Structures are given as structure tokens and as C-alpha cells.
Amino acid sequence: MKLIYKIEFNSTALYFKKLIDELIVEDNIKAFTKQYFGFILIIFEDSSEKIEEFFTTLEKNLPISMFISKSYVIDNFDENLEEIKDFNIKPNFEILTLKKINEILEDNYFDFLDNIIKLSKNEVVEYKNIKIFLPNKEILEELKINNEEIKLLICNSNKISNIVKIDDSDLALLCSIERPLVRLKLQDEYLNISNSKYIYTRLPNNKDMLLLSQALSKQNIDYILYTSDEKELKAINNNDKNIVISDEKILFPKYDFALKKVFNTKKEYFNSFPNIYKSIISYESKENISTIGVYFSQSSKNSFVDINTSNGKEKRVIYVPEIDNCIDKVFKDISSIDENSKRLIDNFIKKYPDILNQKLSNLNSFGSIIEICAKVLGLNNILEFEELALSSSYSNGVQIDMKINKVEDKNYLDYRKIIQSIMSYKMADVDNETLAYSFYEFLGEFIVEYSKEIARQIKAKDIVLCGDIFANRLILNKVLKELSKNHNLILPKEYPLDY
């Protein structure tokens, strides 16, 4: 019996195909695999009983991958398609199959008792390339002052739903073989373990983390907090699609099918393009198709809305200005709009005199705008501002002015109007949660309306979304809902949203 089974797989990496190959050998079934751009085929030529047994084997032993979408039986396929070549690229992470996990936990003795005693005394313990600690007010406050990100390692997977709120899609992403960090909301009784309600969470992703988790769980420690200098793999699930937010290590080295080239690092790959938007249309083979690129980043310079014309030329349509990282200079810019704006600034400073003492990070571009809005609300940073919005139960906010200001024939997002709106509502005692939510709601509205208008003018169907702002579910959901009705929305499939 011949049967062709197709697995949609949004990566050119071959490690998942090789796991299937190993199971084929172990089960002694007459089958082989082929991997193409966007999918893997398992081609069977054996009895129906053997094939059925093999699917049971897959279900028990093949781990989940964050790059899988759907799988199903097909009648045939185009045999002229170019198969992905094997360049013998080794994954830059440990592949933890169930068999491998059991071998590690059964065959290794790991004495961590001395460090567990230190943890119980509220000490920070250095372990491999991370610093681990149990919840402690003084440690959390110090990390908050230093603006260090706190992450959560689940040691006892049976207790995960007790610690964080998690649905099936996020759980599948968390358990995937790539083991990304996933941003989850803490359960109410665990809110005091971190500086925020949301925390990037992971399961053990290598031998060292497995042994650490086993040692801690044996002492009834179900989770541990940690910090790391490494930019780890982060991902988000949206409508059963997994999106890579950031990564320095796991995705590379890899073979790029469009460029026919192996890239060893993320930097090496992105340096091949003028910007992330261009990298995505190259991946999608749309260099000579009219598209719109929306790039909003909290962490990188030069957020923008661009168009790519049918002759492959890129044109900037909307600029996001680089602004001074100084509250006083920003307020002077807002005062220059008109007399009412100057009066607003004067009254705001009288009511909130400490605002002028607030220091800003050197974020540049769009991240600076969000940080100033956070400071205006009396918050410490962007994270607190974003979490207020995500925690909101509102479905409609107050109008935040997101407008274009034309300067020397260039369209700039007028950041002054955005901050001015927030300040006006703050003076009227509108609560912070409403204002944070409204900021993201109307940023989404801005992206939707201008994308529609630009698409209409250049007759484009394809709109590319990139930049870490789309890791925010409020923005992503609104933009996808409104623009997907009449446009083809493109997000990066196997590369990060941002640098």
C-alpha cells in the first residue's frame, strides 16, 4: 500500500525530518521522507497495518515542533519540486525527545543540595549561564532598579497550570522541541513572585536545565526564577500560528531556501538586507510584487511604513521620528504645537512636578514614544505600561491622536499628539489602565487605516507585519482581524519579528 503523508513545516531546518527518519528505522517500516520548502512528506510503501502502527509510534515518540501547522494524507505531489539539500547543519540546541529526557534523568546523578540551601536563604545562585533565585522582595527590587528581565523555569510540569494561566496552544508551544520562552500570566496566588503579572516562562531546554529541575522538584520546588544575559528564543501563539519574537541562537545556523545560502548567525542573515521588511519579501519571493511593509519596533531604530513596488524598489511612506531622550526637550516640542499645548504642559508640570526628574532609556524611535507615555502615567517602564493594557477588560478606549505631520514632503507619525492626548486625559483623571489600553487600540487603528489607504492607492494585496510591537496581542489581534478581510497578511514564518 502506498500512502503519502504531508506535514506542513515552516522551517528549512532538517532536524525534525531526521527524527522521523530515526523512527522509520526503529520501526523497520518501508517508508522514507522528503523535505521541501514549507513541508515534509512521509512516503509509505507497506501494509496498512504497519502504517497504522507507525502512526501510533509517531504519536508516542515524535515531539511537537513550533514550526508544524497541519498534517494530512495527500494523493500525490509535484515531484519536480526542489528538495531541500542536506548541508549537514547541526542544530544549535539540544533535541530533547522523550527517550532522551528519560535517559538523562535516569543515568545522571546531580547533587545540588548545597545550592538549594543557598536558595532557601534567599541567595542568588549562579548556575551555568544563568542566575537563579526563589521569590524575594529585595532581589526583585534590585532587578527592577537594574531593569533586568526576570524569567520563569517550570521544574514540575504537572504544576504548570497552578502557577500560570495557560491554554492548549500556549502549552503546545511551551512543550515544543525548540523550547521557546512564552509570555504567560501568573495565577493570582503567584502574582507576588515577580515584578509583573506576565512573565516569560519555559520548560527545561537542555540536559543541565533538566537535571536542575529534577533536583529542585525533589525538594518540592516547582519553579525557579532566573535572569540571563543571553537573548533566548521567545515566541507567541496567535490563532494556532506560532510566531518567533526574538532569538540569537536556536534558529541558526540554517539554510535559506530563497537565497540558496547557509547563514551561521541571525546578524549574518539580517545584514544581507536593508531591513527586516526586505528580508521577509525575499523569503516569500515577492521582491517584484507591490507590497506594504509595516515595521514598528520598541527596541530598534527606524520604525516605518514602506512600500515595495513591482520593479523591486522600496519607498518610505511614513517615518517614525527619532526623538530626544529627555522629558524637558519632548515637552518643549509639544508646547510648540499651539498655545493650548503650552498651557497643558505648564499645568501638567504643576500637577506632576516629578515628571521632569524622570530619566529615559536610550531606546530611540518608537520605543521612546511608549516610554514617555509610561512616564507620563507615573509608571517605571514600557513593560508596566504594556501589562496594564494587556490586563485590561476594556473593549473600547478613549481616543488617542495618532496623526501624520508633513515635514519637507515627508510623512511623520506625530509623536507630540500621542503624548499630548495621554497627558490631557491624565489631567482629567482618566485611569492609567484605560489610557494604556487606548494607546495600543489606536496604534492598531492607525496601522489598519493607513495600510488600507496605501494598499488602495498602489493596488496592493500583500501587507507585511514585522517588528516586536506585533508581539503585543492587542495590536496583533486588531490588525489581523481588520486587515485580513481584504488583504494577504504576511508575518515571518521561521525568522524573528525583529532584530
Protein backbone atom coordinates (compact mmCIF):
# COMPACT_ATOMS: atom_id res chain seq x y z
CA MET A 1 0.00 0.00 0.00
CA LYS A 2 1.32 3.45 -0.95
CA LEU A 3 0.40 6.42 1.22
CA ILE A 4 1.73 9.99 1.22
CA TYR A 5 1.54 11.95 4.45
CA LYS A 6 2.19 15.70 4.36
CA ILE A 7 3.38 17.70 7.39
CA GLU A 8 3.30 21.47 6.93
CA PHE A 9 6.61 22.64 8.39
CA ASN A 10 7.65 26.30 8.29
CA SER A 11 11.39 25.82 8.50
CA THR A 12 14.15 24.64 6.20
CA ALA A 13 15.94 23.01 9.15
CA LEU A 14 16.16 19.23 8.78
CA TYR A 15 16.28 18.12 12.42
CA PHE A 16 12.58 17.25 12.53
CA LYS A 17 12.79 15.22 9.32
CA LYS A 18 15.75 13.32 10.79
CA LEU A 19 13.77 12.46 13.91
CA ILE A 20 11.12 10.89 11.69
CA ASP A 21 13.86 9.04 9.77
CA GLU A 22 15.15 7.55 13.03
CA LEU A 23 11.68 6.30 13.94
CA ILE A 24 11.30 4.76 10.47
CA VAL A 25 14.50 2.78 11.02
CA GLU A 26 13.49 1.74 14.54
CA ASP A 27 10.05 0.56 13.38
CA ASN A 28 11.52 -1.22 10.35
CA ILE A 29 8.80 0.15 8.09
CA LYS A 30 9.11 0.64 4.35
CA ALA A 31 8.96 4.42 4.21
CA PHE A 32 11.15 7.44 3.50
CA THR A 33 10.93 11.20 3.94
CA LYS A 34 11.45 14.21 1.70
CA GLN A 35 11.56 17.83 2.82
CA TYR A 36 10.58 20.76 0.64
CA PHE A 37 10.10 24.46 1.19
CA GLY A 38 7.17 24.58 3.64
CA PHE A 39 6.50 20.89 4.21
CA ILE A 40 7.80 17.38 4.90
CA LEU A 41 6.49 14.24 3.16
CA ILE A 42 6.46 10.73 4.60
CA ILE A 43 6.02 8.28 1.73
CA PHE A 44 4.92 4.80 2.80
CA GLU A 45 5.07 1.59 0.78
CA ASP A 46 3.99 -1.01 3.31
CA SER A 47 0.91 -2.76 4.65
CA SER A 48 -1.93 -0.78 6.15
CA GLU A 49 -1.30 -2.50 9.50
CA LYS A 50 2.37 -1.43 9.56
CA ILE A 51 1.44 2.13 8.56
CA GLU A 52 -1.17 2.31 11.30
CA GLU A 53 1.36 1.03 13.84
CA PHE A 54 3.85 3.65 12.70
CA PHE A 55 1.37 6.49 13.24
CA THR A 56 0.98 5.21 16.80
CA THR A 57 4.78 5.34 17.12
CA LEU A 58 4.79 8.93 15.85
CA GLU A 59 2.11 9.91 18.32
CA LYS A 60 4.06 8.43 21.25
CA ASN A 61 7.63 9.34 20.34
CA LEU A 62 7.72 12.27 17.91
CA PRO A 63 7.94 15.55 19.82
CA ILE A 64 5.97 18.66 18.85
CA SER A 65 7.71 21.38 16.85
CA MET A 66 6.74 25.05 16.92
CA PHE A 67 7.08 25.08 13.12
CA ILE A 68 4.37 22.46 12.46
CA SER A 69 0.95 23.71 11.44
CA LYS A 70 -1.18 20.91 9.89
CA SER A 71 -0.64 17.33 8.71
CA TYR A 72 -2.79 15.17 6.45
CA VAL A 73 -2.84 12.48 3.74
CA ILE A 74 -2.47 13.61 0.11
CA ASP A 75 -3.00 11.74 -3.16
CA ASN A 76 0.12 12.99 -4.96
CA PHE A 77 2.68 15.80 -5.09
CA ASP A 78 4.76 17.64 -7.66
CA GLU A 79 7.91 15.53 -7.99
CA ASN A 80 9.62 18.35 -9.90
CA LEU A 81 9.79 20.47 -6.77
CA GLU A 82 13.29 21.14 -5.46
CA GLU A 83 14.05 19.09 -2.37
CA ILE A 84 15.92 20.81 0.45
CA LYS A 85 19.56 19.74 0.42
CA ASP A 86 21.23 18.36 3.49
CA PHE A 87 24.27 20.52 4.29
CA ASN A 88 24.85 18.56 7.50
CA ILE A 89 23.96 21.59 9.62
CA LYS A 90 23.80 20.54 13.25
CA PRO A 91 21.10 22.14 15.43
CA ASN A 92 22.41 24.72 17.86
CA PHE A 93 20.27 23.31 20.68
CA GLU A 94 19.70 20.01 22.44
CA ILE A 95 16.92 17.92 20.92
CA LEU A 96 15.04 16.53 23.89
CA THR A 97 12.90 13.62 22.77
CA LEU A 98 11.00 11.68 25.43
CA LYS A 99 13.58 8.89 25.14
CA LYS A 100 16.46 11.36 25.59
CA ILE A 101 14.83 13.01 28.60
CA ASN A 102 14.34 9.66 30.31
CA GLU A 103 17.97 8.68 29.64
CA ILE A 104 19.26 11.94 31.14
CA LEU A 105 17.13 11.70 34.27
CA GLU A 106 17.87 8.01 34.84
CA ASP A 107 21.59 7.93 34.08
CA ASN A 108 22.90 11.06 35.80
CA TYR A 109 23.50 11.82 39.46
CA PHE A 110 23.26 15.51 40.26
CA ASP A 111 23.97 16.87 43.74
CA PHE A 112 22.52 20.36 44.06
CA LEU A 113 21.73 20.29 47.77
CA ASP A 114 24.28 22.93 48.83
CA ASN A 115 22.86 25.37 46.31
CA ILE A 116 19.29 24.55 47.32
CA ILE A 117 20.25 25.55 50.87
CA LYS A 118 21.61 28.85 49.49
CA LEU A 119 18.38 29.40 47.57
CA SER A 120 16.36 28.78 50.74
CA LYS A 121 18.43 31.54 52.40
CA ASN A 122 17.34 33.97 49.65
CA GLU A 123 20.70 33.92 47.90
CA VAL A 124 21.15 34.24 44.15
CA VAL A 125 22.92 31.16 42.77
CA GLU A 126 24.93 31.16 39.54
CA TYR A 127 24.30 28.01 37.54
CA LYS A 128 25.85 27.58 34.10
CA ASN A 129 24.98 30.79 32.19
CA ILE A 130 22.01 31.87 34.33
CA LYS A 131 21.38 33.26 37.82
CA ILE A 132 18.60 31.53 39.73
CA PHE A 133 16.67 32.53 42.84
CA LEU A 134 13.45 31.97 44.75
CA PRO A 135 10.92 34.82 45.10
CA ASN A 136 12.32 37.51 47.35
CA LYS A 137 11.25 41.14 47.68
CA GLU A 138 14.79 42.55 47.97
CA ILE A 139 16.09 40.59 44.96
CA LEU A 140 13.07 41.61 42.86
CA GLU A 141 13.53 45.27 43.79
CA GLU A 142 17.23 45.20 42.86
CA LEU A 143 16.47 43.59 39.50
CA LYS A 144 13.74 46.17 38.90
CA ILE A 145 16.19 49.03 39.52
CA ASN A 146 18.70 47.42 37.14
CA ASN A 147 15.93 46.83 34.58
CA GLU A 148 16.79 43.12 34.35
CA GLU A 149 14.23 40.75 32.87
CA ILE A 150 13.01 38.01 35.19
CA LYS A 151 12.07 34.68 33.63
CA LEU A 152 10.37 31.58 35.00
CA LEU A 153 11.63 28.00 34.70
CA ILE A 154 8.98 25.36 35.44
CA CYS A 155 10.61 22.50 37.35
CA ASN A 156 7.49 20.39 37.87
CA SER A 157 5.45 20.36 34.66
CA ASN A 158 2.49 18.77 36.48
CA LYS A 159 2.05 22.03 38.42
CA ILE A 160 2.29 24.46 35.50
CA SER A 161 -1.41 25.33 35.38
CA ASN A 162 -1.28 26.08 39.12
CA ILE A 163 1.43 28.69 38.53
CA VAL A 164 0.44 30.34 35.23
CA LYS A 165 -2.71 30.72 33.17
CA ILE A 166 -2.19 28.65 30.04
CA ASP A 167 -4.33 27.37 27.17
CA ASP A 168 -3.69 24.36 24.94
CA SER A 169 -1.98 26.36 22.18
CA ASP A 170 0.48 28.03 24.55
CA LEU A 171 1.13 24.71 26.28
CA ALA A 172 1.94 23.04 22.94
CA LEU A 173 4.30 25.91 22.11
CA LEU A 174 5.97 25.68 25.51
CA CYS A 175 6.42 21.89 25.11
CA SER A 176 7.75 22.08 21.55
CA ILE A 177 11.17 20.66 20.84
CA GLU A 178 12.56 24.18 20.32
CA ARG A 179 11.55 25.03 23.93
CA PRO A 180 10.84 28.78 23.50
CA LEU A 181 10.06 31.25 26.23
CA VAL A 182 6.32 32.04 26.16
CA ARG A 183 4.82 35.07 27.88
CA LEU A 184 2.13 33.89 30.31
CA LYS A 185 0.01 35.49 33.01
CA LEU A 186 0.68 34.39 36.57
CA GLN A 187 -2.15 32.87 38.56
CA ASP A 188 -3.48 35.27 41.19
CA GLU A 189 -1.85 33.46 44.11
CA TYR A 190 1.56 33.69 42.39
CA LEU A 191 1.46 37.40 41.46
CA ASN A 192 3.93 38.26 44.22
CA ILE A 193 6.74 36.10 42.80
CA SER A 194 7.67 38.66 40.12
CA ASN A 195 7.62 42.39 39.40
CA SER A 196 4.86 41.91 36.85
CA LYS A 197 1.69 39.94 36.19
CA TYR A 198 3.09 38.48 32.97
CA ILE A 199 6.33 36.55 32.80
CA TYR A 200 8.30 34.75 30.08
CA THR A 201 8.10 31.09 31.01
CA ARG A 202 9.92 27.98 29.82
CA LEU A 203 10.37 24.29 30.39
CA PRO A 204 13.87 22.78 30.71
CA ASN A 205 15.61 23.10 27.34
CA ASN A 206 18.82 21.12 27.80
CA LYS A 207 20.50 18.49 29.98
CA ASP A 208 21.69 21.00 32.58
CA MET A 209 18.22 22.52 32.99
CA LEU A 210 16.63 19.06 33.19
CA LEU A 211 18.96 17.97 36.00
CA LEU A 212 18.46 21.28 37.81
CA SER A 213 14.66 20.96 37.54
CA GLN A 214 14.75 17.36 38.76
CA ALA A 215 16.87 18.30 41.79
CA LEU A 216 14.59 21.22 42.68
CA SER A 217 11.32 19.32 42.20
CA LYS A 218 12.61 16.57 44.51
CA GLN A 219 12.78 19.28 47.18
CA ASN A 220 9.20 20.33 46.35
CA ILE A 221 10.36 23.41 44.46
CA ASP A 222 8.01 23.54 41.47
CA TYR A 223 9.58 26.57 39.76
CA ILE A 224 12.59 28.83 39.89
CA LEU A 225 13.12 32.42 38.75
CA TYR A 226 16.17 33.32 36.72
CA THR A 227 17.95 36.03 34.77
CA SER A 228 20.20 35.58 31.78
CA ASP A 229 22.34 37.80 29.55
CA GLU A 230 21.58 35.56 26.60
CA LYS A 231 18.87 36.65 24.17
CA GLU A 232 16.82 33.46 24.30
CA LEU A 233 14.22 32.18 21.87
CA LYS A 234 10.85 33.85 22.50
CA ALA A 235 7.65 33.01 20.67
CA ILE A 236 3.95 33.80 20.68
CA ASN A 237 0.96 31.79 19.52
CA ASN A 238 -1.82 33.57 17.66
CA ASN A 239 -4.77 31.70 16.18
CA ASP A 240 -2.78 28.44 16.17
CA LYS A 241 0.14 30.10 14.37
CA ASN A 242 3.46 30.32 16.16
CA ILE A 243 5.50 33.48 15.64
CA VAL A 244 9.15 33.91 16.64
CA ILE A 245 9.63 37.17 18.53
CA SER A 246 13.38 37.08 19.03
CA ASP A 247 16.30 34.66 19.06
CA GLU A 248 20.09 34.71 18.98
CA LYS A 249 20.89 31.03 18.94
CA ILE A 250 18.25 28.33 18.33
CA LEU A 251 17.29 29.20 14.73
CA PHE A 252 20.85 29.38 13.44
CA PRO A 253 22.85 28.16 11.63
CA LYS A 254 20.35 27.47 8.87
CA TYR A 255 19.96 27.18 5.12
CA ASP A 256 17.88 29.89 3.47
CA PHE A 257 15.91 28.37 0.61
CA ALA A 258 15.29 31.69 -1.19
CA LEU A 259 18.91 32.83 -1.11
CA LYS A 260 20.39 29.33 -1.52
CA LYS A 261 22.86 30.04 1.24
CA VAL A 262 23.76 28.90 4.75
CA PHE A 263 23.68 31.62 7.42
CA ASN A 264 25.52 30.93 10.67
CA THR A 265 24.01 33.74 12.77
CA LYS A 266 20.96 35.98 12.87
CA LYS A 267 23.20 39.02 12.39
CA GLU A 268 24.74 37.50 9.28
CA TYR A 269 21.28 36.85 7.84
CA PHE A 270 19.73 40.24 8.55
CA ASN A 271 22.86 42.07 7.36
CA SER A 272 22.08 40.66 3.92
CA PHE A 273 19.08 43.01 3.65
CA PRO A 274 18.42 46.74 4.10
CA ASN A 275 15.79 45.93 6.74
CA ILE A 276 13.55 43.14 8.10
CA TYR A 277 10.73 44.01 5.70
CA LYS A 278 13.03 43.31 2.75
CA SER A 279 14.13 40.00 4.29
CA ILE A 280 10.50 38.84 4.53
CA ILE A 281 9.57 39.67 0.94
CA SER A 282 12.74 37.88 -0.16
CA TYR A 283 11.69 34.80 1.83
CA GLU A 284 8.19 34.99 0.30
CA SER A 285 9.61 35.58 -3.24
CA LYS A 286 7.68 38.84 -3.58
CA GLU A 287 10.55 41.18 -4.48
CA ASN A 288 8.80 42.27 -7.69
CA ILE A 289 5.27 42.45 -6.34
CA SER A 290 3.68 45.56 -4.86
CA THR A 291 3.58 45.11 -1.09
CA ILE A 292 3.31 47.24 2.04
CA GLY A 293 5.73 46.81 4.94
CA VAL A 294 4.71 47.87 8.45
CA TYR A 295 7.66 47.82 10.85
CA PHE A 296 7.18 49.08 14.41
CA SER A 297 9.91 48.27 16.91
CA GLN A 298 10.29 49.07 20.60
CA SER A 299 13.96 48.13 20.57
CA SER A 300 15.37 49.13 17.16
CA LYS A 301 15.68 52.38 15.28
CA ASN A 302 13.77 53.37 12.15
CA SER A 303 10.21 52.17 12.58
CA PHE A 304 8.33 52.86 9.35
CA VAL A 305 5.64 52.09 6.81
CA ASP A 306 7.18 51.33 3.41
CA ILE A 307 6.03 50.14 0.03
CA ASN A 308 7.83 47.79 -2.30
CA THR A 309 6.97 48.48 -5.93
CA SER A 310 6.56 45.96 -8.73
CA ASN A 311 10.04 46.84 -10.02
CA GLY A 312 11.59 45.96 -6.64
CA LYS A 313 12.19 49.49 -5.36
CA GLU A 314 11.42 50.40 -1.76
CA LYS A 315 9.88 53.74 -0.83
CA ARG A 316 9.27 55.12 2.66
CA VAL A 317 5.68 56.32 3.10
CA ILE A 318 5.55 57.03 6.85
CA TYR A 319 8.52 57.84 9.06
CA VAL A 320 8.67 57.44 12.83
CA PRO A 321 10.98 60.20 14.11
CA GLU A 322 13.95 59.69 16.38
CA ILE A 323 13.26 61.84 19.42
CA ASP A 324 15.39 63.28 22.21
CA ASN A 325 15.57 61.01 25.22
CA CYS A 326 14.88 63.93 27.53
CA ILE A 327 11.49 64.77 29.03
CA ASP A 328 12.18 68.50 29.07
CA LYS A 329 13.00 68.61 25.33
CA VAL A 330 9.96 66.47 24.49
CA PHE A 331 7.71 68.84 26.46
CA LYS A 332 9.16 71.82 24.58
CA ASP A 333 8.29 70.10 21.30
CA ILE A 334 4.71 69.57 22.47
CA SER A 335 4.47 73.18 23.68
CA SER A 336 5.41 74.38 20.20
CA ILE A 337 2.20 72.96 18.67
CA ASP A 338 0.00 75.84 19.87
CA GLU A 339 -0.91 77.93 22.90
CA ASN A 340 -3.28 75.28 24.28
CA SER A 341 -0.48 72.72 24.17
CA LYS A 342 1.86 75.06 26.04
CA ARG A 343 -0.82 75.61 28.69
CA LEU A 344 -1.30 71.84 29.01
CA ILE A 345 2.42 71.29 29.60
CA ASP A 346 2.59 74.05 32.22
CA ASN A 347 -0.44 72.70 34.08
CA PHE A 348 0.82 69.11 33.87
CA ILE A 349 4.18 70.07 35.40
CA LYS A 350 2.40 71.92 38.21
CA LYS A 351 0.25 68.89 38.98
CA TYR A 352 3.05 66.30 38.50
CA PRO A 353 6.34 68.17 39.20
CA ASP A 354 8.36 64.93 39.48
CA ILE A 355 7.86 64.27 35.76
CA LEU A 356 10.85 66.48 34.87
CA ASN A 357 13.13 64.29 37.01
CA GLN A 358 12.25 61.13 35.11
CA LYS A 359 15.12 59.58 33.17
CA LEU A 360 14.56 57.90 29.83
CA SER A 361 16.35 54.91 28.36
CA ASN A 362 18.33 55.33 25.17
CA LEU A 363 15.74 53.48 23.11
CA ASN A 364 15.28 55.80 20.09
CA SER A 365 12.36 55.78 17.68
CA PHE A 366 9.08 54.15 18.64
CA GLY A 367 10.24 52.66 21.95
CA SER A 368 10.98 56.17 23.22
CA ILE A 369 7.41 57.29 22.47
CA ILE A 370 5.95 54.41 24.51
CA GLU A 371 8.39 55.01 27.36
CA ILE A 372 7.44 58.69 27.60
CA CYS A 373 3.76 57.73 27.70
CA ALA A 374 4.60 55.33 30.55
CA LYS A 375 6.46 58.05 32.47
CA VAL A 376 3.55 60.48 31.99
CA LEU A 377 1.32 57.91 33.71
CA GLY A 378 3.81 57.60 36.57
CA LEU A 379 4.96 54.12 35.52
CA ASN A 380 8.54 52.89 35.58
CA ASN A 381 8.92 51.45 32.11
CA ILE A 382 7.36 50.12 28.90
CA LEU A 383 6.77 46.70 30.46
CA GLU A 384 4.46 48.12 33.15
CA PHE A 385 2.64 50.20 30.52
CA GLU A 386 2.10 47.20 28.26
CA GLU A 387 0.97 44.93 31.09
CA LEU A 388 -1.64 47.46 32.19
CA ALA A 389 -3.06 47.33 28.68
CA LEU A 390 -2.94 43.53 28.46
CA SER A 391 -4.65 43.17 31.84
CA SER A 392 -7.49 45.47 30.82
CA SER A 393 -11.00 44.14 30.38
CA TYR A 394 -11.98 47.08 28.16
CA SER A 395 -13.18 46.63 24.61
CA ASN A 396 -13.22 50.35 23.77
CA GLY A 397 -10.85 53.07 24.91
CA VAL A 398 -10.61 56.83 24.74
CA GLN A 399 -9.31 58.33 21.51
CA ILE A 400 -5.55 58.78 21.32
CA ASP A 401 -4.44 61.04 18.47
CA MET A 402 -2.28 59.07 16.04
CA LYS A 403 -1.79 61.53 13.22
CA ILE A 404 0.60 62.30 10.38
CA ASN A 405 2.65 65.50 10.38
CA LYS A 406 4.08 66.50 6.98
CA VAL A 407 7.62 67.94 7.19
CA GLU A 408 9.56 68.74 3.99
CA ASP A 409 7.26 66.48 1.95
CA LYS A 410 7.80 63.55 4.32
CA ASN A 411 5.03 61.96 6.40
CA TYR A 412 5.97 61.61 10.05
CA LEU A 413 3.98 59.97 12.82
CA ASP A 414 3.34 62.99 15.07
CA TYR A 415 4.54 61.65 18.40
CA ARG A 416 3.72 65.00 20.04
CA LYS A 417 -0.01 64.46 19.51
CA ILE A 418 0.16 60.98 21.02
CA ILE A 419 1.81 62.17 24.24
CA GLN A 420 -0.39 65.26 24.33
CA SER A 421 -3.51 63.05 24.24
CA ILE A 422 -2.25 60.89 27.11
CA MET A 423 -1.41 63.99 29.17
CA SER A 424 -4.81 65.61 28.57
CA TYR A 425 -6.65 62.52 29.78
CA LYS A 426 -4.29 62.16 32.74
CA MET A 427 -5.08 65.75 33.76
CA ALA A 428 -8.77 64.82 33.59
CA ASP A 429 -8.08 61.90 35.99
CA VAL A 430 -8.74 59.12 33.46
CA ASP A 431 -7.28 55.94 34.96
CA ASN A 432 -3.96 54.53 33.76
CA GLU A 433 -5.40 51.20 32.63
CA THR A 434 -7.79 52.94 30.25
CA LEU A 435 -5.01 55.08 28.81
CA ALA A 436 -2.55 52.21 28.32
CA TYR A 437 -5.23 50.12 26.63
CA SER A 438 -6.31 53.07 24.45
CA PHE A 439 -2.74 53.67 23.28
CA TYR A 440 -2.48 50.19 21.78
CA GLU A 441 -6.04 50.22 20.47
CA PHE A 442 -5.47 53.41 18.50
CA LEU A 443 -1.99 52.39 17.37
CA GLY A 444 -3.68 49.34 15.87
CA GLU A 445 -6.31 51.63 14.33
CA PHE A 446 -3.53 53.81 12.85
CA ILE A 447 -1.82 50.79 11.27
CA VAL A 448 -5.10 49.45 9.89
CA GLU A 449 -6.38 52.69 8.38
CA TYR A 450 -3.12 53.81 6.76
CA SER A 451 -2.38 50.30 5.47
CA LYS A 452 -5.81 50.18 3.84
CA GLU A 453 -5.37 53.60 2.23
CA ILE A 454 -1.86 52.88 0.94
CA ALA A 455 -2.97 49.47 -0.37
CA ARG A 456 -5.85 51.14 -2.21
CA GLN A 457 -3.53 53.70 -3.80
CA ILE A 458 -0.91 51.25 -5.05
CA LYS A 459 -3.37 48.38 -5.62
CA ALA A 460 -1.51 46.04 -3.26
CA LYS A 461 -2.95 42.93 -1.65
CA ASP A 462 0.08 41.89 0.42
CA ILE A 463 0.85 43.60 3.75
CA VAL A 464 3.93 42.55 5.72
CA LEU A 465 3.86 42.96 9.51
CA CYS A 466 7.16 42.99 11.40
CA GLY A 467 8.83 44.48 14.46
CA ASP A 468 8.46 43.45 18.10
CA ILE A 469 5.36 45.63 18.61
CA PHE A 470 3.42 42.77 16.99
CA ALA A 471 4.36 40.54 19.92
CA ASN A 472 1.64 42.51 21.73
CA ARG A 473 -1.61 40.53 21.40
CA LEU A 474 -3.79 43.66 21.46
CA ILE A 475 -2.06 45.11 18.40
CA LEU A 476 -1.69 41.81 16.57
CA ASN A 477 -5.30 40.71 17.07
CA LYS A 478 -6.75 44.04 15.99
CA VAL A 479 -4.58 44.34 12.88
CA LEU A 480 -5.15 40.71 11.82
CA LYS A 481 -8.89 40.96 12.36
CA GLU A 482 -9.33 44.17 10.35
CA LEU A 483 -6.81 43.73 7.55
CA SER A 484 -7.19 40.02 6.85
CA LYS A 485 -10.70 40.59 5.45
CA ASN A 486 -9.40 42.00 2.15
CA HIS A 487 -5.62 41.62 2.27
CA ASN A 488 -2.99 38.90 2.47
CA LEU A 489 -1.15 39.47 5.74
CA ILE A 490 2.42 38.19 5.93
CA LEU A 491 4.35 37.59 9.15
CA PRO A 492 7.83 36.00 9.29
CA LYS A 493 7.48 32.22 9.41
CA GLU A 494 10.88 30.94 10.51
CA TYR A 495 12.77 34.12 11.34
CA PRO A 496 12.22 36.57 14.23
CA LEU A 497 9.84 39.54 14.11
CA ASP A 498 12.72 41.83 14.97
CA TYR A 499 16.49 42.10 15.17
